[in-house]
Structures are given as C-alpha cells and as structure tokens.
C-alpha cells in the first residue's frame, strides 16, 4: 500500500531526514509505525502519570481533615486550572489542524503562542528535569511544584496523546510531504 509521499516522491532525489522519524516517514514501513507506536505509548504514559498525580492530589484533599470550605475552594481551583489547560491545549490543537488544512506547518508550541527560542525551551526542559530529580530525591518543595505543574498542564497530556494518532507526526513531516506534493505538481505543469 503506497502512501502519497512515496507515490509522489521525486525519483533519484535524497529523502530528507526528520527528527525522530529519520527517513522512515517516506515509506511509512514497519520502522515508521514502530516509532509512531512508541511515541503514542510515551504519550499514554505521560497521561497516566498526570492522571495518577492529579487523582492522588484530589484524593488527599477530599480525605483530609481541613475545613469543608477550604477543601471546596482548593478543589474548585484545581478544576479551574485543569479546565484552563484543557481549553488552551484544545485551542492550540485546533489552530494546528486549521493551519494544516491551509497547507501550513505549525507546531503545538507555536499554536499556543510559545515564542521562546530553542535555547530558552531547552533551558526550561533542563529545569523541569532538575526539578523532577529533586522531587525524586525527596524534596517536598520540588514535589509540590511538580504536582502543581501537572494540574496546570493536564490538558496538554490529553492533547499530546490524541495528537499522536494524527496523520502526520510533526510539522516537519507535514512540511516534507507538502514539499513532495508541490514538486510533483511542478513536474506535471
């Protein structure tokens, strides 16, 4: 079963290597689908961890002996944070899909308004990993910050998992397929 990218590929030209996918995106063979399944599985694990952390937090608040009005207030704030992250993530997901319909390659980060440079995003990732290591080592403050960040990013876990099943893995793959289509169109004209 040939894909559009393979059918329309320019004969004799090198296929561009994409991040994580390499050149497997071109043929969409077993290597490609194994990588896609691995990514979906990782997204599922992230969603499970987010769900367990959020569920544990909610359970701890519900069963604690703090006054009822404080529990209701904290649970309301948690629900508002989750809803905010869901709305922001779904909005970005829809922006990506609308851009693809127009033939534009947009990432979820770009669609959400993240205008940080690669270096700034890398620094934030390193900080998150460091915070996770501190929490794992027993730092209560780091653990608390991680729990709070999970609540504020729960919607992104859901959207990442769902996005892992879309036709194109990344904006780079979409852009590469579109480029092949444009080259094919030019040859036909």
N, C-alpha and C. Protein backbone atom coordinates (compact mmCIF):
# COMPACT_ATOMS: atom_id res chain seq x y z
N UNK A 1 0.84 -1.17 0.00
CA UNK A 1 0.00 0.00 0.00
C UNK A 1 0.89 1.24 0.00
N UNK A 2 0.90 1.96 -1.06
CA UNK A 2 1.75 3.13 -1.20
C UNK A 2 1.07 4.35 -0.59
N UNK A 3 1.87 5.20 0.01
CA UNK A 3 1.34 6.45 0.55
C UNK A 3 1.52 7.55 -0.47
N UNK A 4 0.88 8.67 -0.23
CA UNK A 4 1.01 9.81 -1.12
C UNK A 4 2.45 10.26 -1.22
N UNK A 5 3.16 10.26 -0.09
CA UNK A 5 4.56 10.71 -0.11
C UNK A 5 5.41 9.80 -0.99
N UNK A 6 5.21 8.49 -0.90
CA UNK A 6 6.01 7.56 -1.67
C UNK A 6 5.64 7.63 -3.15
N UNK A 7 4.36 7.71 -3.46
CA UNK A 7 3.92 7.76 -4.86
C UNK A 7 4.43 9.02 -5.54
N UNK A 8 4.43 10.15 -4.79
CA UNK A 8 4.79 11.43 -5.37
C UNK A 8 6.26 11.78 -5.18
N UNK A 9 7.05 10.89 -4.61
CA UNK A 9 8.44 11.21 -4.32
C UNK A 9 9.22 11.43 -5.62
N UNK A 10 10.04 12.47 -5.62
CA UNK A 10 10.86 12.72 -6.80
C UNK A 10 11.85 11.57 -6.99
N UNK A 11 11.92 11.05 -8.17
CA UNK A 11 12.79 9.92 -8.46
C UNK A 11 14.24 10.39 -8.47
N UNK A 12 15.10 9.61 -7.79
CA UNK A 12 16.52 9.91 -7.81
C UNK A 12 16.95 11.00 -6.83
N UNK A 13 16.07 11.55 -6.04
CA UNK A 13 16.46 12.59 -5.08
C UNK A 13 16.49 12.00 -3.68
N UNK A 14 17.37 12.53 -2.86
CA UNK A 14 17.50 12.06 -1.49
C UNK A 14 16.29 12.53 -0.66
N UNK A 15 15.83 11.63 0.20
CA UNK A 15 14.72 11.95 1.08
C UNK A 15 15.29 12.61 2.33
N UNK A 16 14.69 13.70 2.75
CA UNK A 16 15.16 14.45 3.91
C UNK A 16 14.95 13.63 5.18
N UNK A 17 15.88 13.73 6.12
CA UNK A 17 15.80 13.03 7.39
C UNK A 17 15.11 13.95 8.40
N UNK A 18 14.07 13.44 9.05
CA UNK A 18 13.30 14.22 10.00
C UNK A 18 13.63 13.83 11.44
N UNK A 19 13.49 14.76 12.38
CA UNK A 19 13.74 14.41 13.78
C UNK A 19 12.84 13.25 14.22
N UNK A 20 13.42 12.29 14.93
CA UNK A 20 12.79 11.09 15.47
C UNK A 20 12.38 10.08 14.41
N UNK A 21 11.93 10.53 13.26
CA UNK A 21 11.47 9.62 12.21
C UNK A 21 12.57 9.20 11.25
N UNK A 22 13.63 9.99 11.16
CA UNK A 22 14.67 9.71 10.18
C UNK A 22 14.09 9.79 8.77
N UNK A 23 14.40 8.80 7.95
CA UNK A 23 13.85 8.74 6.60
C UNK A 23 12.67 7.77 6.51
N UNK A 24 12.27 7.21 7.65
CA UNK A 24 11.18 6.23 7.66
C UNK A 24 9.83 6.84 7.28
N UNK A 25 9.69 8.16 7.39
CA UNK A 25 8.42 8.81 7.06
C UNK A 25 8.08 8.65 5.59
N UNK A 26 9.10 8.50 4.78
CA UNK A 26 8.89 8.44 3.34
C UNK A 26 8.16 7.16 2.93
N UNK A 27 8.60 6.04 3.42
CA UNK A 27 7.98 4.77 3.05
C UNK A 27 6.83 4.37 3.96
N UNK A 28 6.84 4.89 5.17
CA UNK A 28 5.83 4.54 6.18
C UNK A 28 5.75 3.03 6.36
N UNK A 29 6.92 2.44 6.48
CA UNK A 29 7.01 1.00 6.69
C UNK A 29 6.98 0.66 8.18
N UNK A 30 7.40 -0.56 8.52
CA UNK A 30 7.36 -1.00 9.92
C UNK A 30 8.16 -0.10 10.87
N UNK A 31 9.31 0.40 10.42
CA UNK A 31 10.13 1.27 11.27
C UNK A 31 9.36 2.55 11.63
N UNK A 32 8.70 3.11 10.65
CA UNK A 32 7.92 4.33 10.88
C UNK A 32 6.80 4.06 11.89
N UNK A 33 6.06 2.98 11.67
CA UNK A 33 4.92 2.71 12.55
C UNK A 33 5.36 2.29 13.94
N UNK A 34 6.53 1.67 14.04
CA UNK A 34 7.07 1.34 15.35
C UNK A 34 7.41 2.62 16.11
N UNK A 35 8.01 3.57 15.43
CA UNK A 35 8.33 4.85 16.06
C UNK A 35 7.06 5.60 16.46
N UNK A 36 6.08 5.59 15.59
CA UNK A 36 4.81 6.25 15.93
C UNK A 36 4.14 5.57 17.12
N UNK A 37 4.16 4.22 17.17
CA UNK A 37 3.57 3.49 18.30
C UNK A 37 4.33 3.79 19.58
N UNK A 38 5.65 3.89 19.49
CA UNK A 38 6.46 4.22 20.66
C UNK A 38 6.09 5.60 21.19
N UNK A 39 5.93 6.56 20.28
CA UNK A 39 5.56 7.92 20.69
C UNK A 39 4.17 7.93 21.34
N UNK A 40 3.22 7.22 20.75
CA UNK A 40 1.88 7.15 21.33
C UNK A 40 1.91 6.51 22.71
N UNK A 41 2.73 5.47 22.86
CA UNK A 41 2.86 4.80 24.15
C UNK A 41 3.45 5.75 25.19
N UNK A 42 4.47 6.52 24.81
CA UNK A 42 5.06 7.50 25.73
C UNK A 42 4.03 8.56 26.13
N UNK A 43 3.23 9.01 25.17
CA UNK A 43 2.18 9.99 25.47
C UNK A 43 1.13 9.40 26.40
N UNK A 44 0.82 8.12 26.21
CA UNK A 44 -0.12 7.43 27.10
C UNK A 44 0.45 7.36 28.51
N UNK A 45 1.74 7.04 28.63
CA UNK A 45 2.37 7.00 29.95
C UNK A 45 2.33 8.37 30.62
N UNK A 46 2.59 9.41 29.85
CA UNK A 46 2.53 10.77 30.40
C UNK A 46 1.12 11.05 30.91
N UNK A 47 0.12 10.71 30.13
CA UNK A 47 -1.27 10.94 30.53
C UNK A 47 -1.63 10.12 31.77
N UNK A 48 -1.13 8.89 31.86
CA UNK A 48 -1.39 8.07 33.05
C UNK A 48 -0.74 8.69 34.28
N UNK A 49 0.50 9.14 34.15
CA UNK A 49 1.18 9.79 35.29
C UNK A 49 0.43 11.05 35.69
N UNK A 50 0.04 11.87 34.72
CA UNK A 50 -0.72 13.08 35.03
C UNK A 50 -2.02 12.72 35.76
N UNK A 51 -2.69 11.68 35.29
CA UNK A 51 -3.96 11.27 35.91
C UNK A 51 -3.74 10.76 37.33
N UNK A 52 -2.70 9.97 37.54
CA UNK A 52 -2.42 9.45 38.87
C UNK A 52 -2.04 10.56 39.84
N UNK A 53 -1.22 11.48 39.39
CA UNK A 53 -0.81 12.60 40.26
C UNK A 53 -2.02 13.47 40.61
N UNK A 54 -2.82 13.79 39.61
CA UNK A 54 -4.00 14.63 39.84
C UNK A 54 -5.00 13.89 40.72
N UNK A 55 -5.24 12.62 40.43
CA UNK A 55 -6.16 11.83 41.26
C UNK A 55 -5.68 11.71 42.69
N UNK A 56 -4.38 11.51 42.88
CA UNK A 56 -3.82 11.44 44.24
C UNK A 56 -3.98 12.75 44.98
N UNK A 57 -3.76 13.85 44.29
CA UNK A 57 -3.93 15.17 44.91
C UNK A 57 -5.38 15.39 45.32
N UNK A 58 -6.29 15.08 44.42
CA UNK A 58 -7.72 15.25 44.73
C UNK A 58 -8.13 14.35 45.89
N UNK A 59 -7.67 13.11 45.87
CA UNK A 59 -7.99 12.17 46.95
C UNK A 59 -7.45 12.67 48.29
N UNK A 60 -6.21 13.19 48.29
CA UNK A 60 -5.62 13.71 49.53
C UNK A 60 -6.41 14.90 50.06
N UNK A 61 -6.89 15.75 49.17
CA UNK A 61 -7.65 16.92 49.62
C UNK A 61 -9.02 16.51 50.14
N UNK A 62 -9.68 15.60 49.44
CA UNK A 62 -11.03 15.16 49.84
C UNK A 62 -11.00 14.46 51.19
N UNK A 63 -10.00 13.64 51.44
CA UNK A 63 -9.96 12.85 52.68
C UNK A 63 -9.24 13.55 53.82
N UNK A 64 -8.72 14.74 53.60
CA UNK A 64 -8.01 15.46 54.66
C UNK A 64 -9.02 16.03 55.66
N UNK A 65 -8.51 16.37 56.82
CA UNK A 65 -9.39 16.88 57.88
C UNK A 65 -9.47 18.40 57.90
N UNK A 66 -9.12 19.04 56.82
CA UNK A 66 -9.23 20.50 56.75
C UNK A 66 -10.70 20.88 56.63
N UNK A 67 -11.06 22.12 56.98
CA UNK A 67 -12.46 22.53 56.91
C UNK A 67 -13.05 22.34 55.50
N UNK A 68 -14.32 22.05 55.47
CA UNK A 68 -15.01 21.76 54.20
C UNK A 68 -14.89 22.92 53.21
N UNK A 69 -15.01 24.15 53.65
CA UNK A 69 -14.95 25.29 52.75
C UNK A 69 -13.57 25.41 52.10
N UNK A 70 -12.51 25.04 52.83
CA UNK A 70 -11.16 25.08 52.26
C UNK A 70 -11.02 23.98 51.20
N UNK A 71 -11.55 22.79 51.50
CA UNK A 71 -11.50 21.70 50.52
C UNK A 71 -12.24 22.08 49.24
N UNK A 72 -13.42 22.66 49.40
CA UNK A 72 -14.21 23.06 48.23
C UNK A 72 -13.46 24.13 47.43
N UNK A 73 -12.87 25.07 48.12
CA UNK A 73 -12.12 26.14 47.45
C UNK A 73 -10.92 25.57 46.68
N UNK A 74 -10.15 24.69 47.32
CA UNK A 74 -8.97 24.12 46.66
C UNK A 74 -9.39 23.23 45.48
N UNK A 75 -10.44 22.44 45.66
CA UNK A 75 -10.91 21.58 44.57
C UNK A 75 -11.45 22.42 43.41
N UNK A 76 -12.08 23.53 43.71
CA UNK A 76 -12.55 24.44 42.66
C UNK A 76 -11.37 25.04 41.90
N UNK A 77 -10.32 25.42 42.63
CA UNK A 77 -9.13 25.96 41.97
C UNK A 77 -8.46 24.91 41.09
N UNK A 78 -8.42 23.67 41.56
CA UNK A 78 -7.84 22.59 40.76
C UNK A 78 -8.66 22.36 39.50
N UNK A 79 -9.98 22.34 39.64
CA UNK A 79 -10.86 22.16 38.48
C UNK A 79 -10.68 23.30 37.48
N UNK A 80 -10.55 24.53 37.99
CA UNK A 80 -10.36 25.69 37.11
C UNK A 80 -9.02 25.60 36.38
N UNK A 81 -7.98 25.15 37.07
CA UNK A 81 -6.66 25.02 36.43
C UNK A 81 -6.70 23.95 35.34
N UNK A 82 -7.36 22.84 35.62
CA UNK A 82 -7.46 21.77 34.62
C UNK A 82 -8.27 22.25 33.42
N UNK A 83 -9.37 22.93 33.67
CA UNK A 83 -10.20 23.44 32.56
C UNK A 83 -9.41 24.46 31.73
N UNK A 84 -8.66 25.33 32.40
CA UNK A 84 -7.86 26.31 31.67
C UNK A 84 -6.85 25.62 30.77
N UNK A 85 -6.17 24.59 31.30
CA UNK A 85 -5.19 23.88 30.48
C UNK A 85 -5.86 23.13 29.33
N UNK A 86 -7.05 22.58 29.57
CA UNK A 86 -7.78 21.88 28.51
C UNK A 86 -8.17 22.85 27.40
N UNK A 87 -8.69 24.00 27.78
CA UNK A 87 -9.12 24.99 26.78
C UNK A 87 -7.92 25.48 25.97
N UNK A 88 -6.82 25.81 26.65
CA UNK A 88 -5.63 26.31 25.94
C UNK A 88 -5.06 25.23 25.02
N UNK A 89 -5.00 23.99 25.49
CA UNK A 89 -4.45 22.90 24.69
C UNK A 89 -5.34 22.60 23.49
N UNK A 90 -6.66 22.54 23.69
CA UNK A 90 -7.58 22.27 22.57
C UNK A 90 -7.55 23.40 21.55
N UNK A 91 -7.43 24.61 22.04
CA UNK A 91 -7.35 25.75 21.12
C UNK A 91 -6.10 25.62 20.24
N UNK A 92 -4.96 25.29 20.84
CA UNK A 92 -3.73 25.11 20.07
C UNK A 92 -3.87 23.94 19.09
N UNK A 93 -4.49 22.86 19.54
CA UNK A 93 -4.72 21.68 18.69
C UNK A 93 -5.55 22.07 17.47
N UNK A 94 -6.59 22.87 17.67
CA UNK A 94 -7.43 23.32 16.56
C UNK A 94 -6.68 24.26 15.62
N UNK A 95 -5.83 25.12 16.18
CA UNK A 95 -5.03 26.02 15.34
C UNK A 95 -4.10 25.20 14.43
N UNK A 96 -3.48 24.16 14.98
CA UNK A 96 -2.60 23.30 14.19
C UNK A 96 -3.38 22.65 13.06
N UNK A 97 -4.56 22.12 13.36
CA UNK A 97 -5.35 21.44 12.34
C UNK A 97 -5.85 22.41 11.26
N UNK A 98 -6.25 23.61 11.66
CA UNK A 98 -6.68 24.61 10.66
C UNK A 98 -5.51 25.02 9.77
N UNK A 99 -4.32 25.15 10.38
CA UNK A 99 -3.13 25.53 9.60
C UNK A 99 -2.79 24.44 8.59
N UNK A 100 -2.93 23.19 8.99
CA UNK A 100 -2.63 22.08 8.07
C UNK A 100 -3.61 22.07 6.90
N UNK A 101 -4.84 22.42 7.16
CA UNK A 101 -5.82 22.49 6.06
C UNK A 101 -5.45 23.58 5.06
N UNK A 102 -4.78 24.63 5.54
CA UNK A 102 -4.33 25.71 4.66
C UNK A 102 -2.98 25.38 4.03
N UNK A 103 -2.39 24.24 4.41
CA UNK A 103 -1.10 23.85 3.87
C UNK A 103 0.09 24.41 4.62
N UNK A 104 -0.12 24.87 5.85
CA UNK A 104 0.96 25.44 6.66
C UNK A 104 1.37 24.46 7.75
N UNK A 105 2.65 24.45 8.06
CA UNK A 105 3.18 23.59 9.12
C UNK A 105 3.32 24.40 10.40
N UNK A 106 2.53 24.06 11.42
CA UNK A 106 2.56 24.76 12.71
C UNK A 106 2.63 23.71 13.81
N UNK A 107 3.49 23.95 14.81
CA UNK A 107 3.60 23.03 15.94
C UNK A 107 2.63 23.45 17.04
N UNK A 108 2.39 22.54 17.98
CA UNK A 108 1.52 22.87 19.12
C UNK A 108 2.10 24.03 19.93
N UNK A 109 3.42 24.06 20.07
CA UNK A 109 4.06 25.14 20.82
C UNK A 109 3.82 26.49 20.13
N UNK A 110 4.00 26.52 18.82
CA UNK A 110 3.76 27.77 18.09
C UNK A 110 2.29 28.16 18.17
N UNK A 111 1.40 27.20 18.07
CA UNK A 111 -0.03 27.49 18.11
C UNK A 111 -0.47 28.00 19.47
N UNK A 112 0.24 27.61 20.51
CA UNK A 112 -0.14 28.07 21.85
C UNK A 112 0.45 29.43 22.18
N UNK A 113 1.26 29.97 21.27
CA UNK A 113 1.84 31.29 21.48
C UNK A 113 3.21 31.25 22.13
N UNK A 114 3.86 30.08 22.14
CA UNK A 114 5.19 29.95 22.71
C UNK A 114 6.20 30.48 21.70
N UNK A 115 6.73 31.66 21.97
CA UNK A 115 7.67 32.29 21.05
C UNK A 115 9.10 32.23 21.55
N UNK A 116 9.37 31.30 22.47
CA UNK A 116 10.72 31.19 23.02
C UNK A 116 11.66 30.58 21.98
N UNK A 117 12.92 30.93 22.12
CA UNK A 117 13.94 30.37 21.23
C UNK A 117 14.21 28.93 21.63
N UNK A 118 14.94 28.22 20.77
CA UNK A 118 15.30 26.84 21.07
C UNK A 118 16.09 26.78 22.39
N UNK A 119 17.01 27.71 22.56
CA UNK A 119 17.84 27.74 23.77
C UNK A 119 16.98 27.95 25.02
N UNK A 120 15.98 28.83 24.95
CA UNK A 120 15.10 29.07 26.10
C UNK A 120 14.24 27.84 26.40
N UNK A 121 13.74 27.17 25.36
CA UNK A 121 12.95 25.95 25.57
C UNK A 121 13.81 24.85 26.17
N UNK A 122 15.04 24.75 25.70
CA UNK A 122 15.98 23.74 26.21
C UNK A 122 16.28 23.99 27.68
N UNK A 123 16.48 25.26 28.05
CA UNK A 123 16.75 25.62 29.44
C UNK A 123 15.55 25.27 30.33
N UNK A 124 14.35 25.51 29.84
CA UNK A 124 13.15 25.17 30.62
C UNK A 124 13.02 23.66 30.79
N UNK A 125 13.34 22.90 29.75
CA UNK A 125 13.31 21.43 29.84
C UNK A 125 14.32 20.92 30.86
N UNK A 126 15.49 21.51 30.84
CA UNK A 126 16.53 21.12 31.80
C UNK A 126 16.09 21.45 33.21
N UNK A 127 15.46 22.60 33.38
CA UNK A 127 14.95 22.98 34.71
C UNK A 127 13.88 22.02 35.19
N UNK A 128 13.01 21.59 34.29
CA UNK A 128 11.97 20.63 34.65
C UNK A 128 12.56 19.29 35.04
N UNK A 129 13.57 18.86 34.31
CA UNK A 129 14.24 17.59 34.65
C UNK A 129 14.93 17.70 35.99
N UNK A 130 15.55 18.84 36.26
CA UNK A 130 16.21 19.06 37.55
C UNK A 130 15.21 19.06 38.69
N UNK A 131 14.06 19.69 38.46
CA UNK A 131 13.01 19.71 39.47
C UNK A 131 12.50 18.29 39.74
N UNK A 132 12.35 17.50 38.69
CA UNK A 132 11.93 16.11 38.85
C UNK A 132 12.95 15.30 39.65
N UNK A 133 14.23 15.53 39.38
CA UNK A 133 15.28 14.83 40.12
C UNK A 133 15.25 15.22 41.59
N UNK A 134 15.04 16.50 41.87
CA UNK A 134 14.95 16.94 43.27
C UNK A 134 13.74 16.32 43.96
N UNK A 135 12.62 16.26 43.27
CA UNK A 135 11.42 15.65 43.85
C UNK A 135 11.65 14.17 44.13
N UNK A 136 12.31 13.50 43.20
CA UNK A 136 12.60 12.08 43.37
C UNK A 136 13.55 11.86 44.54
N UNK A 137 14.44 12.82 44.75
CA UNK A 137 15.41 12.72 45.86
C UNK A 137 14.76 13.02 47.21
N UNK A 138 13.54 13.49 47.21
CA UNK A 138 12.84 13.70 48.47
C UNK A 138 12.53 15.14 48.82
N UNK A 139 12.80 16.07 47.95
CA UNK A 139 12.50 17.48 48.22
C UNK A 139 10.99 17.70 48.18
N UNK A 140 10.44 18.09 49.31
CA UNK A 140 8.99 18.32 49.39
C UNK A 140 8.58 19.52 48.53
N UNK A 141 9.39 20.56 48.53
CA UNK A 141 9.07 21.74 47.73
C UNK A 141 9.05 21.41 46.24
N UNK A 142 10.05 20.65 45.79
CA UNK A 142 10.09 20.27 44.37
C UNK A 142 8.92 19.36 44.03
N UNK A 143 8.59 18.43 44.91
CA UNK A 143 7.44 17.55 44.69
C UNK A 143 6.15 18.33 44.60
N UNK A 144 5.99 19.31 45.48
CA UNK A 144 4.79 20.16 45.44
C UNK A 144 4.69 20.95 44.16
N UNK A 145 5.83 21.49 43.69
CA UNK A 145 5.82 22.23 42.42
C UNK A 145 5.47 21.33 41.25
N UNK A 146 5.97 20.09 41.27
CA UNK A 146 5.63 19.16 40.20
C UNK A 146 4.14 18.83 40.19
N UNK A 147 3.57 18.62 41.36
CA UNK A 147 2.13 18.33 41.44
C UNK A 147 1.33 19.51 40.91
N UNK A 148 1.72 20.71 41.30
CA UNK A 148 1.01 21.90 40.81
C UNK A 148 1.16 22.04 39.30
N UNK A 149 2.37 21.77 38.79
CA UNK A 149 2.57 21.90 37.34
C UNK A 149 1.77 20.86 36.57
N UNK A 150 1.59 19.67 37.14
CA UNK A 150 0.78 18.64 36.47
C UNK A 150 -0.66 19.12 36.35
N UNK A 151 -1.19 19.72 37.40
CA UNK A 151 -2.57 20.21 37.37
C UNK A 151 -2.73 21.28 36.30
N UNK A 152 -1.75 22.16 36.18
CA UNK A 152 -1.83 23.24 35.20
C UNK A 152 -1.51 22.79 33.78
N UNK A 153 -1.05 21.56 33.61
CA UNK A 153 -0.70 21.06 32.28
C UNK A 153 -1.45 19.79 31.91
N UNK A 154 -2.47 19.44 32.64
CA UNK A 154 -3.21 18.20 32.40
C UNK A 154 -3.80 18.15 30.99
N UNK A 155 -4.34 19.26 30.52
CA UNK A 155 -4.92 19.32 29.18
C UNK A 155 -3.91 19.02 28.09
N UNK A 156 -2.66 19.42 28.31
CA UNK A 156 -1.62 19.14 27.32
C UNK A 156 -1.33 17.65 27.23
N UNK A 157 -1.44 16.94 28.35
CA UNK A 157 -1.26 15.49 28.31
C UNK A 157 -2.31 14.82 27.44
N UNK A 158 -3.55 15.28 27.57
CA UNK A 158 -4.65 14.72 26.76
C UNK A 158 -4.42 15.04 25.28
N UNK A 159 -4.10 16.28 24.98
CA UNK A 159 -3.92 16.70 23.58
C UNK A 159 -2.71 16.02 22.95
N UNK A 160 -1.61 15.89 23.68
CA UNK A 160 -0.44 15.20 23.12
C UNK A 160 -0.78 13.76 22.78
N UNK A 161 -1.53 13.09 23.65
CA UNK A 161 -1.90 11.70 23.37
C UNK A 161 -2.78 11.62 22.13
N UNK A 162 -3.77 12.48 22.02
CA UNK A 162 -4.64 12.46 20.84
C UNK A 162 -3.90 12.87 19.57
N UNK A 163 -3.01 13.83 19.69
CA UNK A 163 -2.24 14.29 18.53
C UNK A 163 -1.29 13.20 18.02
N UNK A 164 -0.92 12.28 18.89
CA UNK A 164 0.00 11.21 18.46
C UNK A 164 -0.66 10.27 17.45
N UNK A 165 -1.97 10.35 17.31
CA UNK A 165 -2.69 9.49 16.36
C UNK A 165 -3.06 10.21 15.07
N UNK A 166 -2.64 11.46 14.93
CA UNK A 166 -2.97 12.18 13.70
C UNK A 166 -2.16 11.65 12.53
N UNK A 167 -2.57 12.04 11.34
CA UNK A 167 -1.94 11.54 10.12
C UNK A 167 -0.45 11.85 10.06
N UNK A 168 -0.09 13.07 10.45
CA UNK A 168 1.31 13.47 10.41
C UNK A 168 1.84 13.57 11.83
N UNK A 169 3.03 13.04 12.02
CA UNK A 169 3.65 13.01 13.34
C UNK A 169 4.04 14.40 13.82
N UNK A 170 4.55 15.21 12.91
CA UNK A 170 5.10 16.51 13.31
C UNK A 170 4.91 17.52 12.18
N UNK A 171 5.11 18.80 12.50
CA UNK A 171 5.06 19.80 11.43
C UNK A 171 6.12 19.56 10.36
N UNK A 172 7.26 19.01 10.79
CA UNK A 172 8.32 18.72 9.81
C UNK A 172 7.88 17.65 8.81
N UNK A 173 7.20 16.61 9.31
CA UNK A 173 6.71 15.57 8.39
C UNK A 173 5.66 16.15 7.44
N UNK A 174 4.75 16.94 7.97
CA UNK A 174 3.74 17.57 7.14
C UNK A 174 4.39 18.44 6.06
N UNK A 175 5.38 19.22 6.47
CA UNK A 175 6.06 20.11 5.54
C UNK A 175 6.80 19.31 4.46
N UNK A 176 7.42 18.20 4.84
CA UNK A 176 8.14 17.37 3.86
C UNK A 176 7.18 16.76 2.85
N UNK A 177 6.03 16.28 3.32
CA UNK A 177 5.04 15.69 2.41
C UNK A 177 4.49 16.77 1.48
N UNK A 178 4.21 17.95 2.02
CA UNK A 178 3.71 19.06 1.19
C UNK A 178 4.74 19.46 0.15
N UNK A 179 6.01 19.44 0.52
CA UNK A 179 7.06 19.80 -0.43
C UNK A 179 7.10 18.80 -1.58
N UNK A 180 6.95 17.53 -1.28
CA UNK A 180 6.92 16.50 -2.32
C UNK A 180 5.71 16.72 -3.23
N UNK A 181 4.57 17.05 -2.64
CA UNK A 181 3.38 17.31 -3.46
C UNK A 181 3.59 18.51 -4.38
N UNK A 182 4.23 19.58 -3.86
CA UNK A 182 4.49 20.76 -4.69
C UNK A 182 5.46 20.42 -5.82
N UNK A 183 6.49 19.63 -5.54
CA UNK A 183 7.43 19.24 -6.59
C UNK A 183 6.74 18.40 -7.66
N UNK A 184 5.86 17.51 -7.22
CA UNK A 184 5.11 16.69 -8.17
C UNK A 184 4.21 17.56 -9.03
N UNK A 185 3.59 18.55 -8.43
CA UNK A 185 2.69 19.47 -9.15
C UNK A 185 3.49 20.26 -10.19
N UNK A 186 4.70 20.72 -9.82
CA UNK A 186 5.53 21.46 -10.76
C UNK A 186 5.95 20.61 -11.94
N UNK A 187 6.24 19.33 -11.69
CA UNK A 187 6.63 18.44 -12.78
C UNK A 187 5.48 18.19 -13.72
N UNK A 188 4.25 18.14 -13.18
CA UNK A 188 3.08 17.90 -14.02
C UNK A 188 2.70 19.12 -14.85
N UNK A 189 3.04 20.30 -14.35
CA UNK A 189 2.70 21.55 -15.07
C UNK A 189 3.60 21.80 -16.19
